[in-house]
PDB file of N, CA and C in Angstrom:
ATOM      1  N   UNK A   1       0.833  -1.165  -0.007  1.00  0.00           N
ATOM      2  CA  UNK A   1      -0.002   0.002  -0.001  1.00  0.00           C
ATOM      3  C   UNK A   1       0.899   1.247  -0.001  1.00  0.00           C
ATOM      4  N   UNK A   2       0.490   2.262  -0.718  1.00  0.00           N
ATOM      5  CA  UNK A   2       1.235   3.508  -0.784  1.00  0.00           C
ATOM      6  C   UNK A   2       0.516   4.566   0.045  1.00  0.00           C
ATOM      7  N   UNK A   3       1.270   5.259   0.866  1.00  0.00           N
ATOM      8  CA  UNK A   3       0.756   6.367   1.683  1.00  0.00           C
ATOM      9  C   UNK A   3       1.339   7.662   1.136  1.00  0.00           C
ATOM     10  N   UNK A   4       0.621   8.755   1.319  1.00  0.00           N
ATOM     11  CA  UNK A   4       1.130  10.067   0.933  1.00  0.00           C
ATOM     12  C   UNK A   4       1.248  10.926   2.176  1.00  0.00           C
ATOM     13  N   UNK A   5       2.402  11.562   2.328  1.00  0.00           N
ATOM     14  CA  UNK A   5       2.678  12.388   3.495  1.00  0.00           C
ATOM     15  C   UNK A   5       3.421  13.636   3.018  1.00  0.00           C
ATOM     16  N   UNK A   6       2.814  14.786   3.173  1.00  0.00           N
ATOM     17  CA  UNK A   6       3.406  16.060   2.744  1.00  0.00           C
ATOM     18  C   UNK A   6       3.902  16.000   1.295  1.00  0.00           C
ATOM     19  N   UNK A   7       3.129  15.373   0.428  1.00  0.00           N
ATOM     20  CA  UNK A   7       3.453  15.315  -0.994  1.00  0.00           C
ATOM     21  C   UNK A   7       4.388  14.183  -1.402  1.00  0.00           C
ATOM     22  N   UNK A   8       4.905  13.438  -0.454  1.00  0.00           N
ATOM     23  CA  UNK A   8       5.798  12.328  -0.765  1.00  0.00           C
ATOM     24  C   UNK A   8       5.018  11.020  -0.750  1.00  0.00           C
ATOM     25  N   UNK A   9       5.314  10.150  -1.711  1.00  0.00           N
ATOM     26  CA  UNK A   9       4.702   8.812  -1.754  1.00  0.00           C
ATOM     27  C   UNK A   9       5.596   7.874  -0.946  1.00  0.00           C
ATOM     28  N   UNK A  10       4.981   7.173   0.006  1.00  0.00           N
ATOM     29  CA  UNK A  10       5.708   6.287   0.900  1.00  0.00           C
ATOM     30  C   UNK A  10       5.205   4.865   0.692  1.00  0.00           C
ATOM     31  N   UNK A  11       6.145   3.933   0.465  1.00  0.00           N
ATOM     32  CA  UNK A  11       5.780   2.534   0.336  1.00  0.00           C
ATOM     33  C   UNK A  11       6.502   1.711   1.396  1.00  0.00           C
ATOM     34  N   UNK A  12       5.824   1.413   2.506  1.00  0.00           N
ATOM     35  CA  UNK A  12       6.430   0.560   3.533  1.00  0.00           C
ATOM     36  C   UNK A  12       6.379  -0.892   3.060  1.00  0.00           C
ATOM     37  N   UNK A  13       7.317  -1.690   3.535  1.00  0.00           N
ATOM     38  CA  UNK A  13       7.291  -3.114   3.218  1.00  0.00           C
ATOM     39  C   UNK A  13       7.900  -3.898   4.360  1.00  0.00           C
ATOM     40  N   UNK A  14       7.595  -5.193   4.354  1.00  0.00           N
ATOM     41  CA  UNK A  14       8.088  -6.093   5.381  1.00  0.00           C
ATOM     42  C   UNK A  14       8.625  -7.363   4.705  1.00  0.00           C
ATOM     43  N   UNK A  15       9.784  -7.812   5.157  1.00  0.00           N
ATOM     44  CA  UNK A  15      10.382  -9.017   4.605  1.00  0.00           C
ATOM     45  C   UNK A  15      10.621 -10.002   5.742  1.00  0.00           C
ATOM     46  N   UNK A  16      10.253 -11.253   5.526  1.00  0.00           N
ATOM     47  CA  UNK A  16      10.474 -12.266   6.567  1.00  0.00           C
ATOM     48  C   UNK A  16      11.898 -12.780   6.472  1.00  0.00           C
ATOM     49  N   UNK A  17      12.578 -12.804   7.604  1.00  0.00           N
ATOM     50  CA  UNK A  17      13.924 -13.324   7.689  1.00  0.00           C
ATOM     51  C   UNK A  17      13.965 -14.281   8.873  1.00  0.00           C
ATOM     52  N   UNK A  18      14.000 -15.554   8.597  1.00  0.00           N
ATOM     53  CA  UNK A  18      13.952 -16.539   9.681  1.00  0.00           C
ATOM     54  C   UNK A  18      12.645 -16.433  10.456  1.00  0.00           C
ATOM     55  N   UNK A  19      12.773 -16.174  11.740  1.00  0.00           N
ATOM     56  CA  UNK A  19      11.577 -16.046  12.588  1.00  0.00           C
ATOM     57  C   UNK A  19      11.187 -14.593  12.840  1.00  0.00           C
ATOM     58  N   UNK A  20      11.858 -13.673  12.175  1.00  0.00           N
ATOM     59  CA  UNK A  20      11.573 -12.249  12.387  1.00  0.00           C
ATOM     60  C   UNK A  20      11.051 -11.604  11.111  1.00  0.00           C
ATOM     61  N   UNK A  21      10.538 -10.395  11.262  1.00  0.00           N
ATOM     62  CA  UNK A  21      10.071  -9.583  10.149  1.00  0.00           C
ATOM     63  C   UNK A  21      10.912  -8.297  10.129  1.00  0.00           C
ATOM     64  N   UNK A  22      11.447  -7.967   8.963  1.00  0.00           N
ATOM     65  CA  UNK A  22      12.300  -6.797   8.828  1.00  0.00           C
ATOM     66  C   UNK A  22      11.515  -5.671   8.154  1.00  0.00           C
ATOM     67  N   UNK A  23      11.523  -4.500   8.786  1.00  0.00           N
ATOM     68  CA  UNK A  23      10.821  -3.323   8.269  1.00  0.00           C
ATOM     69  C   UNK A  23      11.700  -2.598   7.251  1.00  0.00           C
ATOM     70  N   UNK A  24      11.063  -2.119   6.164  1.00  0.00           N
ATOM     71  CA  UNK A  24      11.740  -1.339   5.132  1.00  0.00           C
ATOM     72  C   UNK A  24      10.780  -0.270   4.635  1.00  0.00           C
ATOM     73  N   UNK A  25      11.325   0.755   3.977  1.00  0.00           N
ATOM     74  CA  UNK A  25      10.463   1.784   3.394  1.00  0.00           C
ATOM     75  C   UNK A  25      11.168   2.443   2.230  1.00  0.00           C
ATOM     76  N   UNK A  26      10.388   2.767   1.198  1.00  0.00           N
ATOM     77  CA  UNK A  26      10.866   3.533   0.049  1.00  0.00           C
ATOM     78  C   UNK A  26      10.048   4.803  -0.048  1.00  0.00           C
ATOM     79  N   UNK A  27      10.696   5.892  -0.450  1.00  0.00           N
ATOM     80  CA  UNK A  27      10.043   7.186  -0.494  1.00  0.00           C
ATOM     81  C   UNK A  27      10.298   7.841  -1.846  1.00  0.00           C
ATOM     82  N   UNK A  28       9.254   8.337  -2.467  1.00  0.00           N
ATOM     83  CA  UNK A  28       9.376   9.113  -3.711  1.00  0.00           C
ATOM     84  C   UNK A  28       8.856  10.510  -3.414  1.00  0.00           C
ATOM     85  N   UNK A  29       9.769  11.499  -3.444  1.00  0.00           N
ATOM     86  CA  UNK A  29       9.378  12.864  -3.118  1.00  0.00           C
ATOM     87  C   UNK A  29       8.802  13.575  -4.341  1.00  0.00           C
ATOM     88  N   UNK A  30       8.153  14.700  -4.106  1.00  0.00           N
ATOM     89  CA  UNK A  30       7.497  15.455  -5.181  1.00  0.00           C
ATOM     90  C   UNK A  30       8.443  15.830  -6.318  1.00  0.00           C
ATOM     91  N   UNK A  31       9.713  16.083  -5.975  1.00  0.00           N
ATOM     92  CA  UNK A  31      10.678  16.479  -7.007  1.00  0.00           C
ATOM     93  C   UNK A  31      11.226  15.287  -7.786  1.00  0.00           C
ATOM     94  N   UNK A  32      10.747  14.080  -7.491  1.00  0.00           N
ATOM     95  CA  UNK A  32      11.154  12.889  -8.205  1.00  0.00           C
ATOM     96  C   UNK A  32      12.301  12.130  -7.573  1.00  0.00           C
ATOM     97  N   UNK A  33      12.852  12.659  -6.476  1.00  0.00           N
ATOM     98  CA  UNK A  33      13.954  11.984  -5.806  1.00  0.00           C
ATOM     99  C   UNK A  33      13.441  10.771  -5.037  1.00  0.00           C
ATOM    100  N   UNK A  34      14.077   9.615  -5.284  1.00  0.00           N
ATOM    101  CA  UNK A  34      13.685   8.371  -4.617  1.00  0.00           C
ATOM    102  C   UNK A  34      14.713   8.037  -3.546  1.00  0.00           C
ATOM    103  N   UNK A  35      14.215   7.562  -2.405  1.00  0.00           N
ATOM    104  CA  UNK A  35      15.081   7.176  -1.302  1.00  0.00           C
ATOM    105  C   UNK A  35      14.594   5.867  -0.732  1.00  0.00           C
ATOM    106  N   UNK A  36      15.518   4.954  -0.469  1.00  0.00           N
ATOM    107  CA  UNK A  36      15.211   3.731   0.233  1.00  0.00           C
ATOM    108  C   UNK A  36      15.848   3.827   1.610  1.00  0.00           C
ATOM    109  N   UNK A  37      15.063   3.574   2.635  1.00  0.00           N
ATOM    110  CA  UNK A  37      15.599   3.634   3.984  1.00  0.00           C
ATOM    111  C   UNK A  37      16.278   2.341   4.418  1.00  0.00           C
ATOM    112  N   UNK A  38      16.202   1.318   3.570  1.00  0.00           N
ATOM    113  CA  UNK A  38      16.863   0.064   3.863  1.00  0.00           C
ATOM    114  C   UNK A  38      16.218  -0.702   5.021  1.00  0.00           C
ATOM    115  N   UNK A  39      16.963  -1.589   5.629  1.00  0.00           N
ATOM    116  CA  UNK A  39      16.454  -2.367   6.758  1.00  0.00           C
ATOM    117  C   UNK A  39      16.384  -1.471   7.995  1.00  0.00           C
ATOM    118  N   UNK A  40      15.186  -1.310   8.533  1.00  0.00           N
ATOM    119  CA  UNK A  40      14.975  -0.391   9.654  1.00  0.00           C
ATOM    120  C   UNK A  40      14.973  -1.071  11.019  1.00  0.00           C
ATOM    121  N   UNK A  41      14.764  -2.371  11.038  1.00  0.00           N
ATOM    122  CA  UNK A  41      14.735  -3.094  12.302  1.00  0.00           C
ATOM    123  C   UNK A  41      14.025  -4.410  12.151  1.00  0.00           C
ATOM    124  N   UNK A  42      14.267  -5.306  13.081  1.00  0.00           N
ATOM    125  CA  UNK A  42      13.645  -6.629  13.093  1.00  0.00           C
ATOM    126  C   UNK A  42      12.553  -6.674  14.169  1.00  0.00           C
ATOM    127  N   UNK A  43      11.476  -7.377  13.849  1.00  0.00           N
ATOM    128  CA  UNK A  43      10.311  -7.410  14.740  1.00  0.00           C
ATOM    129  C   UNK A  43       9.756  -8.821  14.833  1.00  0.00           C
ATOM    130  N   UNK A  44       9.033  -9.082  15.909  1.00  0.00           N
ATOM    131  CA  UNK A  44       8.426 -10.392  16.113  1.00  0.00           C
ATOM    132  C   UNK A  44       7.137 -10.538  15.298  1.00  0.00           C
ATOM    133  N   UNK A  45       6.509  -9.421  14.935  1.00  0.00           N
ATOM    134  CA  UNK A  45       5.256  -9.507  14.172  1.00  0.00           C
ATOM    135  C   UNK A  45       5.339  -8.694  12.887  1.00  0.00           C
ATOM    136  N   UNK A  46       4.623  -9.166  11.892  1.00  0.00           N
ATOM    137  CA  UNK A  46       4.562  -8.474  10.604  1.00  0.00           C
ATOM    138  C   UNK A  46       3.932  -7.106  10.762  1.00  0.00           C
ATOM    139  N   UNK A  47       2.871  -7.021  11.557  1.00  0.00           N
ATOM    140  CA  UNK A  47       2.159  -5.751  11.777  1.00  0.00           C
ATOM    141  C   UNK A  47       3.066  -4.730  12.466  1.00  0.00           C
ATOM    142  N   UNK A  48       3.827  -5.171  13.452  1.00  0.00           N
ATOM    143  CA  UNK A  48       4.745  -4.270  14.167  1.00  0.00           C
ATOM    144  C   UNK A  48       5.814  -3.712  13.227  1.00  0.00           C
ATOM    145  N   UNK A  49       6.338  -4.562  12.358  1.00  0.00           N
ATOM    146  CA  UNK A  49       7.351  -4.123  11.404  1.00  0.00           C
ATOM    147  C   UNK A  49       6.756  -3.122  10.411  1.00  0.00           C
ATOM    148  N   UNK A  50       5.556  -3.388   9.932  1.00  0.00           N
ATOM    149  CA  UNK A  50       4.904  -2.515   8.966  1.00  0.00           C
ATOM    150  C   UNK A  50       4.640  -1.128   9.565  1.00  0.00           C
ATOM    151  N   UNK A  51       4.119  -1.106  10.781  1.00  0.00           N
ATOM    152  CA  UNK A  51       3.838   0.171  11.444  1.00  0.00           C
ATOM    153  C   UNK A  51       5.127   0.971  11.700  1.00  0.00           C
ATOM    154  N   UNK A  52       6.195   0.266  12.048  1.00  0.00           N
ATOM    155  CA  UNK A  52       7.470   0.934  12.299  1.00  0.00           C
ATOM    156  C   UNK A  52       8.028   1.528  10.995  1.00  0.00           C
ATOM    157  N   UNK A  53       7.873   0.821   9.890  1.00  0.00           N
ATOM    158  CA  UNK A  53       8.323   1.335   8.593  1.00  0.00           C
ATOM    159  C   UNK A  53       7.601   2.632   8.246  1.00  0.00           C
ATOM    160  N   UNK A  54       6.306   2.695   8.530  1.00  0.00           N
ATOM    161  CA  UNK A  54       5.537   3.909   8.274  1.00  0.00           C
ATOM    162  C   UNK A  54       6.028   5.047   9.161  1.00  0.00           C
ATOM    163  N   UNK A  55       6.228   4.769  10.453  1.00  0.00           N
ATOM    164  CA  UNK A  55       6.725   5.803  11.384  1.00  0.00           C
ATOM    165  C   UNK A  55       8.061   6.368  10.925  1.00  0.00           C
ATOM    166  N   UNK A  56       8.958   5.485  10.501  1.00  0.00           N
ATOM    167  CA  UNK A  56      10.282   5.930  10.040  1.00  0.00           C
ATOM    168  C   UNK A  56      10.180   6.781   8.779  1.00  0.00           C
ATOM    169  N   UNK A  57       9.352   6.371   7.850  1.00  0.00           N
ATOM    170  CA  UNK A  57       9.206   7.121   6.601  1.00  0.00           C
ATOM    171  C   UNK A  57       8.604   8.494   6.863  1.00  0.00           C
ATOM    172  N   UNK A  58       7.606   8.583   7.726  1.00  0.00           N
ATOM    173  CA  UNK A  58       7.016   9.881   8.066  1.00  0.00           C
ATOM    174  C   UNK A  58       8.080  10.788   8.719  1.00  0.00           C
ATOM    175  N   UNK A  59       8.870  10.238   9.630  1.00  0.00           N
ATOM    176  CA  UNK A  59       9.930  11.011  10.278  1.00  0.00           C
ATOM    177  C   UNK A  59      10.948  11.500   9.234  1.00  0.00           C
ATOM    178  N   UNK A  60      11.311  10.663   8.286  1.00  0.00           N
ATOM    179  CA  UNK A  60      12.259  11.036   7.257  1.00  0.00           C
ATOM    180  C   UNK A  60      11.720  12.199   6.427  1.00  0.00           C
ATOM    181  N   UNK A  61      10.471  12.103   5.998  1.00  0.00           N
ATOM    182  CA  UNK A  61       9.858  13.167   5.190  1.00  0.00           C
ATOM    183  C   UNK A  61       9.759  14.464   5.990  1.00  0.00           C
ATOM    184  N   UNK A  62       9.490  14.369   7.277  1.00  0.00           N
ATOM    185  CA  UNK A  62       9.376  15.545   8.137  1.00  0.00           C
ATOM    186  C   UNK A  62      10.715  16.123   8.551  1.00  0.00           C
ATOM    187  N   UNK A  63      11.823  15.457   8.188  1.00  0.00           N
ATOM    188  CA  UNK A  63      13.163  15.939   8.542  1.00  0.00           C
ATOM    189  C   UNK A  63      13.527  15.673   9.987  1.00  0.00           C
ATOM    190  N   UNK A  64      12.868  14.710  10.613  1.00  0.00           N
ATOM    191  CA  UNK A  64      13.146  14.359  12.003  1.00  0.00           C
ATOM    192  C   UNK A  64      14.076  13.156  12.060  1.00  0.00           C
ATOM    193  N   UNK A  65      14.619  12.894  13.235  1.00  0.00           N
ATOM    194  CA  UNK A  65      15.434  11.702  13.438  1.00  0.00           C
ATOM    195  C   UNK A  65      14.560  10.462  13.341  1.00  0.00           C
ATOM    196  N   UNK A  66      15.104   9.404  12.763  1.00  0.00           N
ATOM    197  CA  UNK A  66      14.331   8.158  12.680  1.00  0.00           C
ATOM    198  C   UNK A  66      14.228   7.530  14.059  1.00  0.00           C
ATOM    199  N   UNK A  67      13.084   6.953  14.375  1.00  0.00           N
ATOM    200  CA  UNK A  67      12.950   6.276  15.668  1.00  0.00           C
ATOM    201  C   UNK A  67      13.855   5.051  15.734  1.00  0.00           C
ATOM    202  N   UNK A  68      14.267   4.685  16.925  1.00  0.00           N
ATOM    203  CA  UNK A  68      15.105   3.517  17.119  1.00  0.00           C
ATOM    204  C   UNK A  68      14.242   2.256  17.140  1.00  0.00           C
ATOM    205  N   UNK A  69      14.731   1.166  16.555  1.00  0.00           N
ATOM    206  CA  UNK A  69      13.981  -0.098  16.634  1.00  0.00           C
ATOM    207  C   UNK A  69      13.971  -0.591  18.065  1.00  0.00           C
ATOM    208  N   UNK A  70      13.056  -1.506  18.387  1.00  0.00           N
ATOM    209  CA  UNK A  70      12.933  -1.972  19.777  1.00  0.00           C
ATOM    210  C   UNK A  70      14.147  -2.742  20.296  1.00  0.00           C
ATOM    211  N   UNK A  71      14.907  -3.369  19.402  1.00  0.00           N
ATOM    212  CA  UNK A  71      16.131  -4.061  19.829  1.00  0.00           C
ATOM    213  C   UNK A  71      17.072  -4.206  18.643  1.00  0.00           C
ATOM    214  N   UNK A  72      18.325  -4.515  18.912  1.00  0.00           N
ATOM    215  CA  UNK A  72      19.325  -4.731  17.874  1.00  0.00           C
ATOM    216  C   UNK A  72      19.696  -6.195  17.820  1.00  0.00           C
ATOM    217  N   UNK A  73      19.907  -6.680  16.615  1.00  0.00           N
ATOM    218  CA  UNK A  73      20.360  -8.063  16.453  1.00  0.00           C
ATOM    219  C   UNK A  73      21.873  -8.015  16.319  1.00  0.00           C
ATOM    220  N   UNK A  74      22.552  -8.832  17.131  1.00  0.00           N
ATOM    221  CA  UNK A  74      24.001  -8.892  17.072  1.00  0.00           C
ATOM    222  C   UNK A  74      24.425 -10.236  16.507  1.00  0.00           C
ATOM    223  N   UNK A  75      25.541 -10.252  15.808  1.00  0.00           N
ATOM    224  CA  UNK A  75      26.067 -11.494  15.266  1.00  0.00           C
ATOM    225  C   UNK A  75      26.623 -12.350  16.393  1.00  0.00           C
ATOM    226  N   UNK A  76      26.420 -13.642  16.308  1.00  0.00           N
ATOM    227  CA  UNK A  76      26.897 -14.524  17.351  1.00  0.00           C
ATOM    228  C   UNK A  76      28.201 -15.148  16.984  1.00  0.00           C
TER     229      UNK A  76
END
């Protein structure tokens, strides 16, 4: 689903990785500039990851700092 925020088109997405869901977002601004925010964080639920991707994209468009994910995954 595509959301519009202050003239920018935002497409949040979620990718399953093992037992987690990874939040991502792509943004197309009014001037045609495209930005991918990449992997934003890992979540236990698909819905949680999707909502976080939207929050991050809105913050990016508003020029605010991106919110921190609930936890970090470290290599073992």
